[in-house]
Structures are given as C-alpha cells and as structure tokens.
Amino acid sequence: MKSKKLHGYITWALQIILGLLFLAAGAGKFLAAETWIQKFTTWGFFNNFYLLIGVVELLGAILLFLPKLSKYAAMLLVVVMTGAVITHIVHQEAVELFRPVIFMALLSALIFLKKNDLA
C-alpha cells in the first residue's frame, strides 16, 4: 500500500515539475522570440520553426498535467529533446547539452513510472 502511494506521489511530482519546466521553455520561445529566431537560424532551421517547437512544448506541458495523457506527452517531449540534443551535438555546443539531457532523463523516468503504474 505504501509503495503504491509513494509511486503516485513521485509520478505526480514529476508530472508537475516537468509540466512547469516545459511551460517555461515553450513560453520562452514566444517571450524571447528574437533570441530564439537567431538561434534557430544559426542552426539552419526554417523560418518560424522555433514557434512550432514552442507550441509543441506548451502542448506537451499541458498534457503532462492530465494523468491519462501524461505518458504520451512525455514521449512527445522526448522526441523534441532528442532533436535538441542532436542539434547541440551537430553544432558542437556541448555546454548546451545539460538541459535537454536532464529533461530527457526526467521524462524517461515518468514514462517508466506510468508504464509500471501500480494502480
């Protein structure tokens, strides 16, 4: 019983933390648009790709708060973070790898917890 409760608390905590982190990340694409336009242009992505990523991050963040959809939201966000990791590797930006790698680890933990839901 205690294990089931702890599992639920950890799962909810991860969903909330990740949801807030991705709300901030997605909103940042809109609030600091000039910075993101410059970065995405430097990386060679098409115009307004940063907006698409921002929308996906915001959508994923919102879906993380919905228990039945949170696993799928985490999977979607792992794809986005995989793209971020590849982008930073290709452009030799090792310092920038920390955030997406940590996010991927937390998202993977959430997927694991949701897959092995004790409910």
PDB file of N, CA and C in Angstrom:
ATOM      1  N   MET A   1       0.821  -1.205   0.000  1.00  0.00           N
ATOM      2  CA  MET A   1       0.000   0.000   0.000  1.00  0.00           C
ATOM      3  C   MET A   1       0.857   1.258   0.000  1.00  0.00           C
ATOM      4  N   LYS A   2       1.886   1.296   0.884  1.00  0.00           N
ATOM      5  CA  LYS A   2       2.747   2.465   0.952  1.00  0.00           C
ATOM      6  C   LYS A   2       3.512   2.654  -0.346  1.00  0.00           C
ATOM      7  N   SER A   3       3.945   1.548  -0.955  1.00  0.00           N
ATOM      8  CA  SER A   3       4.681   1.608  -2.206  1.00  0.00           C
ATOM      9  C   SER A   3       3.824   2.224  -3.311  1.00  0.00           C
ATOM     10  N   LYS A   4       2.566   1.833  -3.338  1.00  0.00           N
ATOM     11  CA  LYS A   4       1.623   2.349  -4.330  1.00  0.00           C
ATOM     12  C   LYS A   4       1.428   3.862  -4.147  1.00  0.00           C
ATOM     13  N   LYS A   5       1.320   4.290  -2.885  1.00  0.00           N
ATOM     14  CA  LYS A   5       1.131   5.705  -2.583  1.00  0.00           C
ATOM     15  C   LYS A   5       2.375   6.511  -2.962  1.00  0.00           C
ATOM     16  N   LEU A   6       3.550   5.983  -2.601  1.00  0.00           N
ATOM     17  CA  LEU A   6       4.815   6.654  -2.926  1.00  0.00           C
ATOM     18  C   LEU A   6       4.973   6.776  -4.435  1.00  0.00           C
ATOM     19  N   HIS A   7       4.647   5.700  -5.129  1.00  0.00           N
ATOM     20  CA  HIS A   7       4.699   5.690  -6.597  1.00  0.00           C
ATOM     21  C   HIS A   7       3.832   6.816  -7.164  1.00  0.00           C
ATOM     22  N   GLY A   8       2.641   6.959  -6.620  1.00  0.00           N
ATOM     23  CA  GLY A   8       1.726   8.009  -7.070  1.00  0.00           C
ATOM     24  C   GLY A   8       2.268   9.401  -6.796  1.00  0.00           C
ATOM     25  N   TYR A   9       2.848   9.594  -5.619  1.00  0.00           N
ATOM     26  CA  TYR A   9       3.415  10.907  -5.275  1.00  0.00           C
ATOM     27  C   TYR A   9       4.588  11.271  -6.178  1.00  0.00           C
ATOM     28  N   ILE A  10       5.454  10.301  -6.417  1.00  0.00           N
ATOM     29  CA  ILE A  10       6.613  10.554  -7.283  1.00  0.00           C
ATOM     30  C   ILE A  10       6.157  10.857  -8.703  1.00  0.00           C
ATOM     31  N   THR A  11       5.193  10.089  -9.173  1.00  0.00           N
ATOM     32  CA  THR A  11       4.677  10.306 -10.528  1.00  0.00           C
ATOM     33  C   THR A  11       4.074  11.705 -10.661  1.00  0.00           C
ATOM     34  N   TRP A  12       3.227  12.081  -9.703  1.00  0.00           N
ATOM     35  CA  TRP A  12       2.615  13.415  -9.751  1.00  0.00           C
ATOM     36  C   TRP A  12       3.657  14.516  -9.651  1.00  0.00           C
ATOM     37  N   ALA A  13       4.635  14.327  -8.794  1.00  0.00           N
ATOM     38  CA  ALA A  13       5.695  15.330  -8.639  1.00  0.00           C
ATOM     39  C   ALA A  13       6.436  15.521  -9.956  1.00  0.00           C
ATOM     40  N   LEU A  14       6.776  14.422 -10.618  1.00  0.00           N
ATOM     41  CA  LEU A  14       7.454  14.520 -11.916  1.00  0.00           C
ATOM     42  C   LEU A  14       6.570  15.208 -12.955  1.00  0.00           C
ATOM     43  N   GLN A  15       5.301  14.847 -12.984  1.00  0.00           N
ATOM     44  CA  GLN A  15       4.380  15.471 -13.937  1.00  0.00           C
ATOM     45  C   GLN A  15       4.315  16.987 -13.706  1.00  0.00           C
ATOM     46  N   ILE A  16       4.219  17.391 -12.473  1.00  0.00           N
ATOM     47  CA  ILE A  16       4.112  18.821 -12.154  1.00  0.00           C
ATOM     48  C   ILE A  16       5.412  19.552 -12.479  1.00  0.00           C
ATOM     49  N   ILE A  17       6.533  18.993 -12.031  1.00  0.00           N
ATOM     50  CA  ILE A  17       7.831  19.635 -12.288  1.00  0.00           C
ATOM     51  C   ILE A  17       8.076  19.755 -13.782  1.00  0.00           C
ATOM     52  N   LEU A  18       7.899  18.668 -14.506  1.00  0.00           N
ATOM     53  CA  LEU A  18       8.124  18.699 -15.954  1.00  0.00           C
ATOM     54  C   LEU A  18       7.124  19.609 -16.656  1.00  0.00           C
ATOM     55  N   GLY A  19       5.880  19.582 -16.205  1.00  0.00           N
ATOM     56  CA  GLY A  19       4.883  20.471 -16.797  1.00  0.00           C
ATOM     57  C   GLY A  19       5.277  21.936 -16.652  1.00  0.00           C
ATOM     58  N   LEU A  20       5.734  22.302 -15.467  1.00  0.00           N
ATOM     59  CA  LEU A  20       6.166  23.692 -15.248  1.00  0.00           C
ATOM     60  C   LEU A  20       7.412  24.036 -16.057  1.00  0.00           C
ATOM     61  N   LEU A  21       8.366  23.104 -16.112  1.00  0.00           N
ATOM     62  CA  LEU A  21       9.588  23.350 -16.889  1.00  0.00           C
ATOM     63  C   LEU A  21       9.283  23.549 -18.367  1.00  0.00           C
ATOM     64  N   PHE A  22       8.395  22.717 -18.894  1.00  0.00           N
ATOM     65  CA  PHE A  22       8.073  22.841 -20.318  1.00  0.00           C
ATOM     66  C   PHE A  22       7.144  24.019 -20.605  1.00  0.00           C
ATOM     67  N   LEU A  23       6.324  24.410 -19.636  1.00  0.00           N
ATOM     68  CA  LEU A  23       5.560  25.658 -19.814  1.00  0.00           C
ATOM     69  C   LEU A  23       6.526  26.828 -19.951  1.00  0.00           C
ATOM     70  N   ALA A  24       7.547  26.850 -19.111  1.00  0.00           N
ATOM     71  CA  ALA A  24       8.545  27.923 -19.171  1.00  0.00           C
ATOM     72  C   ALA A  24       9.332  27.864 -20.480  1.00  0.00           C
ATOM     73  N   ALA A  25       9.728  26.669 -20.879  1.00  0.00           N
ATOM     74  CA  ALA A  25      10.501  26.523 -22.116  1.00  0.00           C
ATOM     75  C   ALA A  25       9.680  26.941 -23.332  1.00  0.00           C
ATOM     76  N   GLY A  26       8.433  26.490 -23.389  1.00  0.00           N
ATOM     77  CA  GLY A  26       7.569  26.837 -24.522  1.00  0.00           C
ATOM     78  C   GLY A  26       7.256  28.317 -24.558  1.00  0.00           C
ATOM     79  N   ALA A  27       6.923  28.882 -23.401  1.00  0.00           N
ATOM     80  CA  ALA A  27       6.625  30.312 -23.328  1.00  0.00           C
ATOM     81  C   ALA A  27       7.851  31.137 -23.692  1.00  0.00           C
ATOM     82  N   GLY A  28       9.020  30.639 -23.316  1.00  0.00           N
ATOM     83  CA  GLY A  28      10.258  31.350 -23.642  1.00  0.00           C
ATOM     84  C   GLY A  28      10.474  31.528 -25.132  1.00  0.00           C
ATOM     85  N   LYS A  29       9.971  30.598 -25.914  1.00  0.00           N
ATOM     86  CA  LYS A  29      10.105  30.708 -27.374  1.00  0.00           C
ATOM     87  C   LYS A  29       9.322  31.917 -27.895  1.00  0.00           C
ATOM     88  N   PHE A  30       8.274  32.291 -27.191  1.00  0.00           N
ATOM     89  CA  PHE A  30       7.452  33.428 -27.605  1.00  0.00           C
ATOM     90  C   PHE A  30       7.904  34.728 -26.953  1.00  0.00           C
ATOM     91  N   LEU A  31       8.312  34.641 -25.679  1.00  0.00           N
ATOM     92  CA  LEU A  31       8.691  35.839 -24.930  1.00  0.00           C
ATOM     93  C   LEU A  31      10.063  36.366 -25.312  1.00  0.00           C
ATOM     94  N   ALA A  32      10.962  35.484 -25.709  1.00  0.00           N
ATOM     95  CA  ALA A  32      12.310  35.887 -26.126  1.00  0.00           C
ATOM     96  C   ALA A  32      12.500  35.512 -27.591  1.00  0.00           C
ATOM     97  N   ALA A  33      11.526  35.871 -28.392  1.00  0.00           N
ATOM     98  CA  ALA A  33      11.486  35.441 -29.789  1.00  0.00           C
ATOM     99  C   ALA A  33      12.756  35.808 -30.559  1.00  0.00           C
ATOM    100  N   GLU A  34      13.282  37.006 -30.370  1.00  0.00           N
ATOM    101  CA  GLU A  34      14.480  37.427 -31.124  1.00  0.00           C
ATOM    102  C   GLU A  34      15.650  36.486 -30.866  1.00  0.00           C
ATOM    103  N   THR A  35      15.834  36.116 -29.611  1.00  0.00           N
ATOM    104  CA  THR A  35      16.914  35.196 -29.253  1.00  0.00           C
ATOM    105  C   THR A  35      16.720  33.856 -29.939  1.00  0.00           C
ATOM    106  N   TRP A  36      15.503  33.354 -29.888  1.00  0.00           N
ATOM    107  CA  TRP A  36      15.225  32.048 -30.486  1.00  0.00           C
ATOM    108  C   TRP A  36      15.278  32.098 -32.002  1.00  0.00           C
ATOM    109  N   ILE A  37      14.844  33.192 -32.603  1.00  0.00           N
ATOM    110  CA  ILE A  37      14.949  33.339 -34.063  1.00  0.00           C
ATOM    111  C   ILE A  37      16.414  33.239 -34.462  1.00  0.00           C
ATOM    112  N   GLN A  38      17.258  33.946 -33.743  1.00  0.00           N
ATOM    113  CA  GLN A  38      18.691  33.937 -34.047  1.00  0.00           C
ATOM    114  C   GLN A  38      19.280  32.532 -33.883  1.00  0.00           C
ATOM    115  N   LYS A  39      18.941  31.856 -32.783  1.00  0.00           N
ATOM    116  CA  LYS A  39      19.469  30.512 -32.546  1.00  0.00           C
ATOM    117  C   LYS A  39      19.019  29.532 -33.624  1.00  0.00           C
ATOM    118  N   PHE A  40      17.715  29.523 -33.905  1.00  0.00           N
ATOM    119  CA  PHE A  40      17.190  28.562 -34.879  1.00  0.00           C
ATOM    120  C   PHE A  40      17.710  28.849 -36.282  1.00  0.00           C
ATOM    121  N   THR A  41      17.934  30.128 -36.598  1.00  0.00           N
ATOM    122  CA  THR A  41      18.512  30.495 -37.890  1.00  0.00           C
ATOM    123  C   THR A  41      19.953  30.002 -37.968  1.00  0.00           C
ATOM    124  N   THR A  42      20.717  30.209 -36.908  1.00  0.00           N
ATOM    125  CA  THR A  42      22.105  29.745 -36.849  1.00  0.00           C
ATOM    126  C   THR A  42      22.175  28.236 -37.014  1.00  0.00           C
ATOM    127  N   TRP A  43      21.226  27.540 -36.442  1.00  0.00           N
ATOM    128  CA  TRP A  43      21.205  26.081 -36.545  1.00  0.00           C
ATOM    129  C   TRP A  43      20.717  25.597 -37.910  1.00  0.00           C
ATOM    130  N   GLY A  44      20.197  26.498 -38.741  1.00  0.00           N
ATOM    131  CA  GLY A  44      19.780  26.134 -40.092  1.00  0.00           C
ATOM    132  C   GLY A  44      18.347  25.664 -40.230  1.00  0.00           C
ATOM    133  N   PHE A  45      17.516  25.924 -39.244  1.00  0.00           N
ATOM    134  CA  PHE A  45      16.111  25.530 -39.331  1.00  0.00           C
ATOM    135  C   PHE A  45      15.314  26.578 -40.112  1.00  0.00           C
ATOM    136  N   PHE A  46      14.180  26.167 -40.645  1.00  0.00           N
ATOM    137  CA  PHE A  46      13.355  27.073 -41.439  1.00  0.00           C
ATOM    138  C   PHE A  46      12.722  28.145 -40.563  1.00  0.00           C
ATOM    139  N   ASN A  47      12.303  29.227 -41.221  1.00  0.00           N
ATOM    140  CA  ASN A  47      11.680  30.353 -40.513  1.00  0.00           C
ATOM    141  C   ASN A  47      10.512  29.870 -39.656  1.00  0.00           C
ATOM    142  N   ASN A  48      10.427  30.399 -38.474  1.00  0.00           N
ATOM    143  CA  ASN A  48       9.343  30.132 -37.531  1.00  0.00           C
ATOM    144  C   ASN A  48       9.324  28.713 -36.971  1.00  0.00           C
ATOM    145  N   PHE A  49      10.374  27.934 -37.192  1.00  0.00           N
ATOM    146  CA  PHE A  49      10.437  26.593 -36.606  1.00  0.00           C
ATOM    147  C   PHE A  49      10.430  26.685 -35.083  1.00  0.00           C
ATOM    148  N   TYR A  50      11.028  27.748 -34.555  1.00  0.00           N
ATOM    149  CA  TYR A  50      11.044  27.942 -33.100  1.00  0.00           C
ATOM    150  C   TYR A  50       9.615  28.049 -32.550  1.00  0.00           C
ATOM    151  N   LEU A  51       8.704  28.612 -33.346  1.00  0.00           N
ATOM    152  CA  LEU A  51       7.301  28.706 -32.910  1.00  0.00           C
ATOM    153  C   LEU A  51       6.656  27.321 -32.833  1.00  0.00           C
ATOM    154  N   LEU A  52       6.947  26.494 -33.811  1.00  0.00           N
ATOM    155  CA  LEU A  52       6.421  25.126 -33.813  1.00  0.00           C
ATOM    156  C   LEU A  52       6.923  24.379 -32.576  1.00  0.00           C
ATOM    157  N   ILE A  53       8.210  24.504 -32.297  1.00  0.00           N
ATOM    158  CA  ILE A  53       8.770  23.840 -31.116  1.00  0.00           C
ATOM    159  C   ILE A  53       8.132  24.404 -29.847  1.00  0.00           C
ATOM    160  N   GLY A  54       7.947  25.716 -29.785  1.00  0.00           N
ATOM    161  CA  GLY A  54       7.301  26.345 -28.633  1.00  0.00           C
ATOM    162  C   GLY A  54       5.889  25.832 -28.412  1.00  0.00           C
ATOM    163  N   VAL A  55       5.130  25.696 -29.490  1.00  0.00           N
ATOM    164  CA  VAL A  55       3.755  25.192 -29.391  1.00  0.00           C
ATOM    165  C   VAL A  55       3.759  23.741 -28.919  1.00  0.00           C
ATOM    166  N   VAL A  56       4.658  22.929 -29.465  1.00  0.00           N
ATOM    167  CA  VAL A  56       4.736  21.517 -29.051  1.00  0.00           C
ATOM    168  C   VAL A  56       5.125  21.421 -27.575  1.00  0.00           C
ATOM    169  N   GLU A  57       6.077  22.253 -27.144  1.00  0.00           N
ATOM    170  CA  GLU A  57       6.465  22.250 -25.727  1.00  0.00           C
ATOM    171  C   GLU A  57       5.303  22.676 -24.833  1.00  0.00           C
ATOM    172  N   LEU A  58       4.556  23.683 -25.240  1.00  0.00           N
ATOM    173  CA  LEU A  58       3.400  24.124 -24.453  1.00  0.00           C
ATOM    174  C   LEU A  58       2.314  23.056 -24.422  1.00  0.00           C
ATOM    175  N   LEU A  59       2.037  22.466 -25.564  1.00  0.00           N
ATOM    176  CA  LEU A  59       1.038  21.392 -25.633  1.00  0.00           C
ATOM    177  C   LEU A  59       1.461  20.218 -24.762  1.00  0.00           C
ATOM    178  N   GLY A  60       2.724  19.811 -24.886  1.00  0.00           N
ATOM    179  CA  GLY A  60       3.236  18.723 -24.058  1.00  0.00           C
ATOM    180  C   GLY A  60       3.134  19.053 -22.584  1.00  0.00           C
ATOM    181  N   ALA A  61       3.454  20.296 -22.230  1.00  0.00           N
ATOM    182  CA  ALA A  61       3.381  20.726 -20.826  1.00  0.00           C
ATOM    183  C   ALA A  61       1.962  20.592 -20.295  1.00  0.00           C
ATOM    184  N   ILE A  62       1.003  21.044 -21.059  1.00  0.00           N
ATOM    185  CA  ILE A  62      -0.401  20.980 -20.633  1.00  0.00           C
ATOM    186  C   ILE A  62      -0.845  19.529 -20.490  1.00  0.00           C
ATOM    187  N   LEU A  63      -0.463  18.690 -21.458  1.00  0.00           N
ATOM    188  CA  LEU A  63      -0.862  17.279 -21.417  1.00  0.00           C
ATOM    189  C   LEU A  63      -0.200  16.520 -20.268  1.00  0.00           C
ATOM    190  N   LEU A  64       0.967  17.000 -19.801  1.00  0.00           N
ATOM    191  CA  LEU A  64       1.613  16.362 -18.652  1.00  0.00           C
ATOM    192  C   LEU A  64       0.751  16.435 -17.397  1.00  0.00           C
ATOM    193  N   PHE A  65      -0.110  17.447 -17.326  1.00  0.00           N
ATOM    194  CA  PHE A  65      -0.979  17.606 -16.157  1.00  0.00           C
ATOM    195  C   PHE A  65      -2.218  16.713 -16.211  1.00  0.00           C
ATOM    196  N   LEU A  66      -2.417  16.038 -17.328  1.00  0.00           N
ATOM    197  CA  LEU A  66      -3.561  15.134 -17.481  1.00  0.00           C
ATOM    198  C   LEU A  66      -3.072  13.691 -17.336  1.00  0.00           C
ATOM    199  N   PRO A  67      -3.392  13.048 -16.234  1.00  0.00           N
ATOM    200  CA  PRO A  67      -2.837  11.720 -15.935  1.00  0.00           C
ATOM    201  C   PRO A  67      -2.950  10.692 -17.063  1.00  0.00           C
ATOM    202  N   LYS A  68      -4.079  10.644 -17.739  1.00  0.00           N
ATOM    203  CA  LYS A  68      -4.260   9.637 -18.791  1.00  0.00           C
ATOM    204  C   LYS A  68      -3.428   9.931 -20.048  1.00  0.00           C
ATOM    205  N   LEU A  69      -3.003  11.186 -20.212  1.00  0.00           N
ATOM    206  CA  LEU A  69      -2.238  11.567 -21.399  1.00  0.00           C
ATOM    207  C   LEU A  69      -0.781  11.890 -21.104  1.00  0.00           C
ATOM    208  N   SER A  70      -0.419  11.908 -19.831  1.00  0.00           N
ATOM    209  CA  SER A  70       0.925  12.350 -19.462  1.00  0.00           C
ATOM    210  C   SER A  70       2.035  11.472 -20.045  1.00  0.00           C
ATOM    211  N   LYS A  71       1.799  10.165 -20.146  1.00  0.00           N
ATOM    212  CA  LYS A  71       2.820   9.280 -20.719  1.00  0.00           C
ATOM    213  C   LYS A  71       3.065   9.637 -22.184  1.00  0.00           C
ATOM    214  N   TYR A  72       2.000   9.936 -22.918  1.00  0.00           N
ATOM    215  CA  TYR A  72       2.140  10.281 -24.328  1.00  0.00           C
ATOM    216  C   TYR A  72       2.775  11.666 -24.502  1.00  0.00           C
ATOM    217  N   ALA A  73       2.439  12.560 -23.590  1.00  0.00           N
ATOM    218  CA  ALA A  73       3.068  13.886 -23.602  1.00  0.00           C
ATOM    219  C   ALA A  73       4.566  13.753 -23.370  1.00  0.00           C
ATOM    220  N   ALA A  74       4.936  12.895 -22.423  1.00  0.00           N
ATOM    221  CA  ALA A  74       6.359  12.679 -22.133  1.00  0.00           C
ATOM    222  C   ALA A  74       7.069  12.092 -23.349  1.00  0.00           C
ATOM    223  N   MET A  75       6.421  11.173 -24.042  1.00  0.00           N
ATOM    224  CA  MET A  75       7.017  10.587 -25.249  1.00  0.00           C
ATOM    225  C   MET A  75       7.227  11.647 -26.323  1.00  0.00           C
ATOM    226  N   LEU A  76       6.233  12.499 -26.506  1.00  0.00           N
ATOM    227  CA  LEU A  76       6.333  13.589 -27.472  1.00  0.00           C
ATOM    228  C   LEU A  76       7.501  14.514 -27.112  1.00  0.00           C
ATOM    229  N   LEU A  77       7.616  14.851 -25.850  1.00  0.00           N
ATOM    230  CA  LEU A  77       8.672  15.766 -25.409  1.00  0.00           C
ATOM    231  C   LEU A  77      10.053  15.122 -25.466  1.00  0.00           C
ATOM    232  N   VAL A  78      10.125  13.805 -25.326  1.00  0.00           N
ATOM    233  CA  VAL A  78      11.410  13.111 -25.515  1.00  0.00           C
ATOM    234  C   VAL A  78      11.869  13.292 -26.959  1.00  0.00           C
ATOM    235  N   VAL A  79      10.949  13.225 -27.895  1.00  0.00           N
ATOM    236  CA  VAL A  79      11.291  13.438 -29.309  1.00  0.00           C
ATOM    237  C   VAL A  79      11.849  14.847 -29.504  1.00  0.00           C
ATOM    238  N   VAL A  80      11.201  15.841 -28.910  1.00  0.00           N
ATOM    239  CA  VAL A  80      11.664  17.228 -29.022  1.00  0.00           C
ATOM    240  C   VAL A  80      13.058  17.363 -28.397  1.00  0.00           C
ATOM    241  N   MET A  81      13.239  16.763 -27.231  1.00  0.00           N
ATOM    242  CA  MET A  81      14.541  16.857 -26.550  1.00  0.00           C
ATOM    243  C   MET A  81      15.628  16.090 -27.303  1.00  0.00           C
ATOM    244  N   THR A  82      15.254  14.998 -27.972  1.00  0.00           N
ATOM    245  CA  THR A  82      16.212  14.276 -28.811  1.00  0.00           C
ATOM    246  C   THR A  82      16.688  15.180 -29.944  1.00  0.00           C
ATOM    247  N   GLY A  83      15.758  15.910 -30.540  1.00  0.00           N
ATOM    248  CA  GLY A  83      16.130  16.875 -31.574  1.00  0.00           C
ATOM    249  C   GLY A  83      17.058  17.951 -31.039  1.00  0.00           C
ATOM    250  N   ALA A  84      16.805  18.406 -29.814  1.00  0.00           N
ATOM    251  CA  ALA A  84      17.659  19.418 -29.195  1.00  0.00           C
ATOM    252  C   ALA A  84      19.067  18.871 -28.969  1.00  0.00           C
ATOM    253  N   VAL A  85      19.146  17.648 -28.469  1.00  0.00           N
ATOM    254  CA  VAL A  85      20.454  17.029 -28.226  1.00  0.00           C
ATOM    255  C   VAL A  85      21.223  16.888 -29.543  1.00  0.00           C
ATOM    256  N   ILE A  86      20.559  16.379 -30.565  1.00  0.00           N
ATOM    257  CA  ILE A  86      21.217  16.209 -31.870  1.00  0.00           C
ATOM    258  C   ILE A  86      21.679  17.560 -32.411  1.00  0.00           C
ATOM    259  N   THR A  87      20.836  18.569 -32.294  1.00  0.00           N
ATOM    260  CA  THR A  87      21.195  19.910 -32.767  1.00  0.00           C
ATOM    261  C   THR A  87      22.442  20.416 -32.061  1.00  0.00           C
ATOM    262  N   HIS A  88      22.497  20.280 -30.749  1.00  0.00           N
ATOM    263  CA  HIS A  88      23.656  20.767 -29.998  1.00  0.00           C
ATOM    264  C   HIS A  88      24.916  19.963 -30.317  1.00  0.00           C
ATOM    265  N   ILE A  89      24.773  18.675 -30.554  1.00  0.00           N
ATOM    266  CA  ILE A  89      25.933  17.855 -30.920  1.00  0.00           C
ATOM    267  C   ILE A  89      26.456  18.257 -32.296  1.00  0.00           C
ATOM    268  N   VAL A  90      25.555  18.374 -33.263  1.00  0.00           N
ATOM    269  CA  VAL A  90      25.947  18.738 -34.630  1.00  0.00           C
ATOM    270  C   VAL A  90      26.640  20.098 -34.661  1.00  0.00           C
ATOM    271  N   HIS A  91      26.182  21.019 -33.823  1.00  0.00           N
ATOM    272  CA  HIS A  91      26.750  22.378 -33.811  1.00  0.00           C
ATOM    273  C   HIS A  91      27.809  22.549 -32.722  1.00  0.00           C
ATOM    274  N   GLN A  92      28.281  21.427 -32.207  1.00  0.00           N
ATOM    275  CA  GLN A  92      29.376  21.398 -31.237  1.00  0.00           C
ATOM    276  C   GLN A  92      29.137  22.351 -30.061  1.00  0.00           C
ATOM    277  N   GLU A  93      27.945  22.252 -29.498  1.00  0.00           N
ATOM    278  CA  GLU A  93      27.549  23.077 -28.354  1.00  0.00           C
ATOM    279  C   GLU A  93      27.389  22.186 -27.122  1.00  0.00           C
ATOM    280  N   ALA A  94      28.492  21.578 -26.710  1.00  0.00           N
ATOM    281  CA  ALA A  94      28.464  20.625 -25.600  1.00  0.00           C
ATOM    282  C   ALA A  94      27.892  21.237 -24.327  1.00  0.00           C
ATOM    283  N   VAL A  95      28.156  22.503 -24.098  1.00  0.00           N
ATOM    284  CA  VAL A  95      27.660  23.171 -22.890  1.00  0.00           C
ATOM    285  C   VAL A  95      26.138  23.198 -22.864  1.00  0.00           C
ATOM    286  N   GLU A  96      25.521  23.227 -24.020  1.00  0.00           N
ATOM    287  CA  GLU A  96      24.060  23.313 -24.120  1.00  0.00           C
ATOM    288  C   GLU A  96      23.358  21.966 -23.948  1.00  0.00           C
ATOM    289  N   LEU A  97      24.119  20.897 -23.841  1.00  0.00           N
ATOM    290  CA  LEU A  97      23.518  19.562 -23.757  1.00  0.00           C
ATOM    291  C   LEU A  97      22.905  19.261 -22.393  1.00  0.00           C
ATOM    292  N   PHE A  98      23.351  19.936 -21.361  1.00  0.00           N
ATOM    293  CA  PHE A  98      22.935  19.621 -19.997  1.00  0.00           C
ATOM    294  C   PHE A  98      21.410  19.633 -19.840  1.00  0.00           C
ATOM    295  N   ARG A  99      20.762  20.730 -20.229  1.00  0.00           N
ATOM    296  CA  ARG A  99      19.313  20.864 -20.026  1.00  0.00           C
ATOM    297  C   ARG A  99      18.508  19.791 -20.761  1.00  0.00           C
ATOM    298  N   PRO A 100      18.697  19.613 -22.086  1.00  0.00           N
ATOM    299  CA  PRO A 100      17.870  18.594 -22.747  1.00  0.00           C
ATOM    300  C   PRO A 100      18.151  17.167 -22.263  1.00  0.00           C
ATOM    301  N   VAL A 101      19.386  16.887 -21.870  1.00  0.00           N
ATOM    302  CA  VAL A 101      19.700  15.542 -21.370  1.00  0.00           C
ATOM    303  C   VAL A 101      19.007  15.307 -20.022  1.00  0.00           C
ATOM    304  N   ILE A 102      19.034  16.298 -19.137  1.00  0.00           N
ATOM    305  CA  ILE A 102      18.343  16.175 -17.847  1.00  0.00           C
ATOM    306  C   ILE A 102      16.839  16.037 -18.068  1.00  0.00           C
ATOM    307  N   PHE A 103      16.294  16.860 -18.970  1.00  0.00           N
ATOM    308  CA  PHE A 103      14.861  16.773 -19.274  1.00  0.00           C
ATOM    309  C   PHE A 103      14.514  15.378 -19.801  1.00  0.00           C
ATOM    310  N   MET A 104      15.357  14.848 -20.688  1.00  0.00           N
ATOM    311  CA  MET A 104      15.093  13.510 -21.231  1.00  0.00           C
ATOM    312  C   MET A 104      15.118  12.449 -20.135  1.00  0.00           C
ATOM    313  N   ALA A 105      16.055  12.574 -19.200  1.00  0.00           N
ATOM    314  CA  ALA A 105      16.137  11.611 -18.099  1.00  0.00           C
ATOM    315  C   ALA A 105      14.871  11.663 -17.245  1.00  0.00           C
ATOM    316  N   LEU A 106      14.412  12.879 -16.924  1.00  0.00           N
ATOM    317  CA  LEU A 106      13.191  13.026 -16.126  1.00  0.00           C
ATOM    318  C   LEU A 106      11.962  12.530 -16.886  1.00  0.00           C
ATOM    319  N   LEU A 107      11.894  12.838 -18.168  1.00  0.00           N
ATOM    320  CA  LEU A 107      10.774  12.364 -18.993  1.00  0.00           C
ATOM    321  C   LEU A 107      10.786  10.838 -19.084  1.00  0.00           C
ATOM    322  N   SER A 108      11.964  10.260 -19.235  1.00  0.00           N
ATOM    323  CA  SER A 108      12.084   8.798 -19.305  1.00  0.00           C
ATOM    324  C   SER A 108      11.650   8.163 -17.992  1.00  0.00           C
ATOM    325  N   ALA A 109      12.009   8.784 -16.874  1.00  0.00           N
ATOM    326  CA  ALA A 109      11.574   8.283 -15.566  1.00  0.00           C
ATOM    327  C   ALA A 109      10.054   8.314 -15.464  1.00  0.00           C
ATOM    328  N   LEU A 110       9.446   9.395 -15.950  1.00  0.00           N
ATOM    329  CA  LEU A 110       7.989   9.498 -15.921  1.00  0.00           C
ATOM    330  C   LEU A 110       7.348   8.424 -16.794  1.00  0.00           C
ATOM    331  N   ILE A 111       7.883   8.214 -17.977  1.00  0.00           N
ATOM    332  CA  ILE A 111       7.344   7.170 -18.864  1.00  0.00           C
ATOM    333  C   ILE A 111       7.437   5.808 -18.188  1.00  0.00           C
ATOM    334  N   PHE A 112       8.579   5.541 -17.553  1.00  0.00           N
ATOM    335  CA  PHE A 112       8.758   4.274 -16.839  1.00  0.00           C
ATOM    336  C   PHE A 112       7.729   4.128 -15.726  1.00  0.00           C
ATOM    337  N   LEU A 113       7.547   5.191 -14.938  1.00  0.00           N
ATOM    338  CA  LEU A 113       6.578   5.139 -13.828  1.00  0.00           C
ATOM    339  C   LEU A 113       5.155   4.940 -14.343  1.00  0.00           C
ATOM    340  N   LYS A 114       4.815   5.627 -15.437  1.00  0.00           N
ATOM    341  CA  LYS A 114       3.451   5.497 -15.987  1.00  0.00           C
ATOM    342  C   LYS A 114       3.266   4.102 -16.589  1.00  0.00           C
ATOM    343  N   LYS A 115       4.306   3.553 -17.201  1.00  0.00           N
ATOM    344  CA  LYS A 115       4.223   2.221 -17.788  1.00  0.00           C
ATOM    345  C   LYS A 115       4.032   1.172 -16.709  1.00  0.00           C
ATOM    346  N   ASN A 116       4.695   1.373 -15.592  1.00  0.00           N
ATOM    347  CA  ASN A 116       4.623   0.428 -14.473  1.00  0.00           C
ATOM    348  C   ASN A 116       3.694   0.927 -13.386  1.00  0.00           C
ATOM    349  N   ASP A 117       2.637   1.581 -13.815  1.00  0.00           N
ATOM    350  CA  ASP A 117       1.668   2.136 -12.858  1.00  0.00           C
ATOM    351  C   ASP A 117       1.117   1.022 -11.989  1.00  0.00           C
ATOM    352  N   LEU A 118       1.155   1.260 -10.700  1.00  0.00           N
ATOM    353  CA  LEU A 118       0.686   0.260  -9.740  1.00  0.00           C
ATOM    354  C   LEU A 118      -0.813   0.362  -9.456  1.00  0.00           C
ATOM    355  N   ALA A 119      -1.462   1.288 -10.118  1.00  0.00           N
ATOM    356  CA  ALA A 119      -2.890   1.491  -9.854  1.00  0.00           C
ATOM    357  C   ALA A 119      -3.735   0.361 -10.408  1.00  0.00           C
TER     358      ALA A 119
END
